[in-house]
Amino acid sequence: MIKFKYKGRSFSSAQSLASAMQRDIQSAYEQRVRRAAANSGLSVRKTSQGLEVSGSATNMGRFYNRLGR
């Protein structure tokens, strides 16, 4: 049996390790989008289809610049 360690947790199944990594990547992505939107003066809503960012056109341009960094 092979054991994997990821962020202090032990995994014996590759599938459970993959799902934990996927959750971490998704939450990091969501935090980055929320932070860029908040710094640009936009609002973010989580919908069933993903994240929805709304605001003015100038703020949206600032958001895209921040997200591109």
C-alpha atoms as a PDB file:
ATOM      1  CA  MET A   1       0.000   0.000   0.000  1.00  0.00           C
ATOM      2  CA  ILE A   2       1.279   3.451  -0.910  1.00  0.00           C
ATOM      3  CA  LYS A   3       0.470   6.430   1.285  1.00  0.00           C
ATOM      4  CA  PHE A   4       0.528  10.007   0.111  1.00  0.00           C
ATOM      5  CA  LYS A   5       0.828  13.111   2.278  1.00  0.00           C
ATOM      6  CA  TYR A   6      -0.703  16.391   1.165  1.00  0.00           C
ATOM      7  CA  LYS A   7      -0.930  19.430   3.436  1.00  0.00           C
ATOM      8  CA  GLY A   8      -0.522  17.287   6.547  1.00  0.00           C
ATOM      9  CA  ARG A   9      -3.163  14.714   5.616  1.00  0.00           C
ATOM     10  CA  SER A  10      -2.399  11.108   4.678  1.00  0.00           C
ATOM     11  CA  PHE A  11      -4.118   9.530   1.692  1.00  0.00           C
ATOM     12  CA  SER A  12      -4.077   5.874   0.718  1.00  0.00           C
ATOM     13  CA  SER A  13      -6.315   6.372  -2.303  1.00  0.00           C
ATOM     14  CA  ALA A  14      -5.252   8.389  -5.332  1.00  0.00           C
ATOM     15  CA  GLN A  15      -8.888   9.295  -5.960  1.00  0.00           C
ATOM     16  CA  SER A  16      -9.321  10.918  -2.535  1.00  0.00           C
ATOM     17  CA  LEU A  17      -5.992  12.740  -2.966  1.00  0.00           C
ATOM     18  CA  ALA A  18      -7.128  14.044  -6.353  1.00  0.00           C
ATOM     19  CA  SER A  19     -10.439  15.287  -4.946  1.00  0.00           C
ATOM     20  CA  ALA A  20      -8.655  17.062  -2.061  1.00  0.00           C
ATOM     21  CA  MET A  21      -6.258  18.736  -4.490  1.00  0.00           C
ATOM     22  CA  GLN A  22      -9.121  19.723  -6.785  1.00  0.00           C
ATOM     23  CA  ARG A  23     -10.987  21.296  -3.848  1.00  0.00           C
ATOM     24  CA  ASP A  24      -7.885  23.276  -2.864  1.00  0.00           C
ATOM     25  CA  ILE A  25      -7.278  24.506  -6.415  1.00  0.00           C
ATOM     26  CA  GLN A  26     -10.915  25.521  -6.826  1.00  0.00           C
ATOM     27  CA  SER A  27     -11.003  27.390  -3.510  1.00  0.00           C
ATOM     28  CA  ALA A  28      -7.729  29.183  -4.338  1.00  0.00           C
ATOM     29  CA  TYR A  29      -9.132  30.220  -7.716  1.00  0.00           C
ATOM     30  CA  GLU A  30     -12.351  31.448  -6.113  1.00  0.00           C
ATOM     31  CA  GLN A  31     -10.433  33.450  -3.490  1.00  0.00           C
ATOM     32  CA  ARG A  32      -8.275  35.055  -6.179  1.00  0.00           C
ATOM     33  CA  VAL A  33     -11.329  36.092  -8.224  1.00  0.00           C
ATOM     34  CA  ARG A  34     -13.128  37.431  -5.144  1.00  0.00           C
ATOM     35  CA  ARG A  35     -10.054  39.396  -4.034  1.00  0.00           C
ATOM     36  CA  ALA A  36      -9.515  40.913  -7.493  1.00  0.00           C
ATOM     37  CA  ALA A  37     -13.194  41.867  -7.712  1.00  0.00           C
ATOM     38  CA  ALA A  38     -13.273  43.428  -4.243  1.00  0.00           C
ATOM     39  CA  ASN A  39     -10.131  45.465  -4.956  1.00  0.00           C
ATOM     40  CA  SER A  40     -11.690  46.680  -8.215  1.00  0.00           C
ATOM     41  CA  GLY A  41     -14.999  47.690  -6.632  1.00  0.00           C
ATOM     42  CA  LEU A  42     -17.100  44.887  -8.120  1.00  0.00           C
ATOM     43  CA  SER A  43     -19.508  42.463  -6.508  1.00  0.00           C
ATOM     44  CA  VAL A  44     -19.280  38.674  -6.833  1.00  0.00           C
ATOM     45  CA  ARG A  45     -22.094  36.152  -6.506  1.00  0.00           C
ATOM     46  CA  LYS A  46     -21.747  32.399  -6.512  1.00  0.00           C
ATOM     47  CA  THR A  47     -24.379  30.812  -8.738  1.00  0.00           C
ATOM     48  CA  SER A  48     -25.029  27.264  -9.849  1.00  0.00           C
ATOM     49  CA  GLN A  49     -23.105  28.026 -13.033  1.00  0.00           C
ATOM     50  CA  GLY A  50     -20.040  29.500 -11.264  1.00  0.00           C
ATOM     51  CA  LEU A  51     -19.043  32.964 -10.111  1.00  0.00           C
ATOM     52  CA  GLU A  52     -20.857  36.017 -11.427  1.00  0.00           C
ATOM     53  CA  VAL A  53     -19.067  39.377 -11.314  1.00  0.00           C
ATOM     54  CA  SER A  54     -21.072  42.564 -11.750  1.00  0.00           C
ATOM     55  CA  GLY A  55     -20.261  46.256 -11.779  1.00  0.00           C
ATOM     56  CA  SER A  56     -19.433  49.175 -14.044  1.00  0.00           C
ATOM     57  CA  ALA A  57     -17.437  48.873 -17.257  1.00  0.00           C
ATOM     58  CA  THR A  58     -14.447  50.819 -15.911  1.00  0.00           C
ATOM     59  CA  ASN A  59     -14.295  48.663 -12.805  1.00  0.00           C
ATOM     60  CA  MET A  60     -14.576  45.553 -14.973  1.00  0.00           C
ATOM     61  CA  GLY A  61     -11.492  46.692 -16.890  1.00  0.00           C
ATOM     62  CA  ARG A  62      -9.608  47.123 -13.625  1.00  0.00           C
ATOM     63  CA  PHE A  63     -10.758  43.648 -12.589  1.00  0.00           C
ATOM     64  CA  TYR A  64      -9.410  42.043 -15.755  1.00  0.00           C
ATOM     65  CA  ASN A  65      -6.078  43.832 -15.277  1.00  0.00           C
ATOM     66  CA  ARG A  66      -5.811  42.617 -11.681  1.00  0.00           C
ATOM     67  CA  LEU A  67      -6.804  39.073 -12.572  1.00  0.00           C
ATOM     68  CA  GLY A  68      -4.227  38.942 -15.356  1.00  0.00           C
ATOM     69  CA  ARG A  69      -1.321  39.554 -13.000  1.00  0.00           C
END
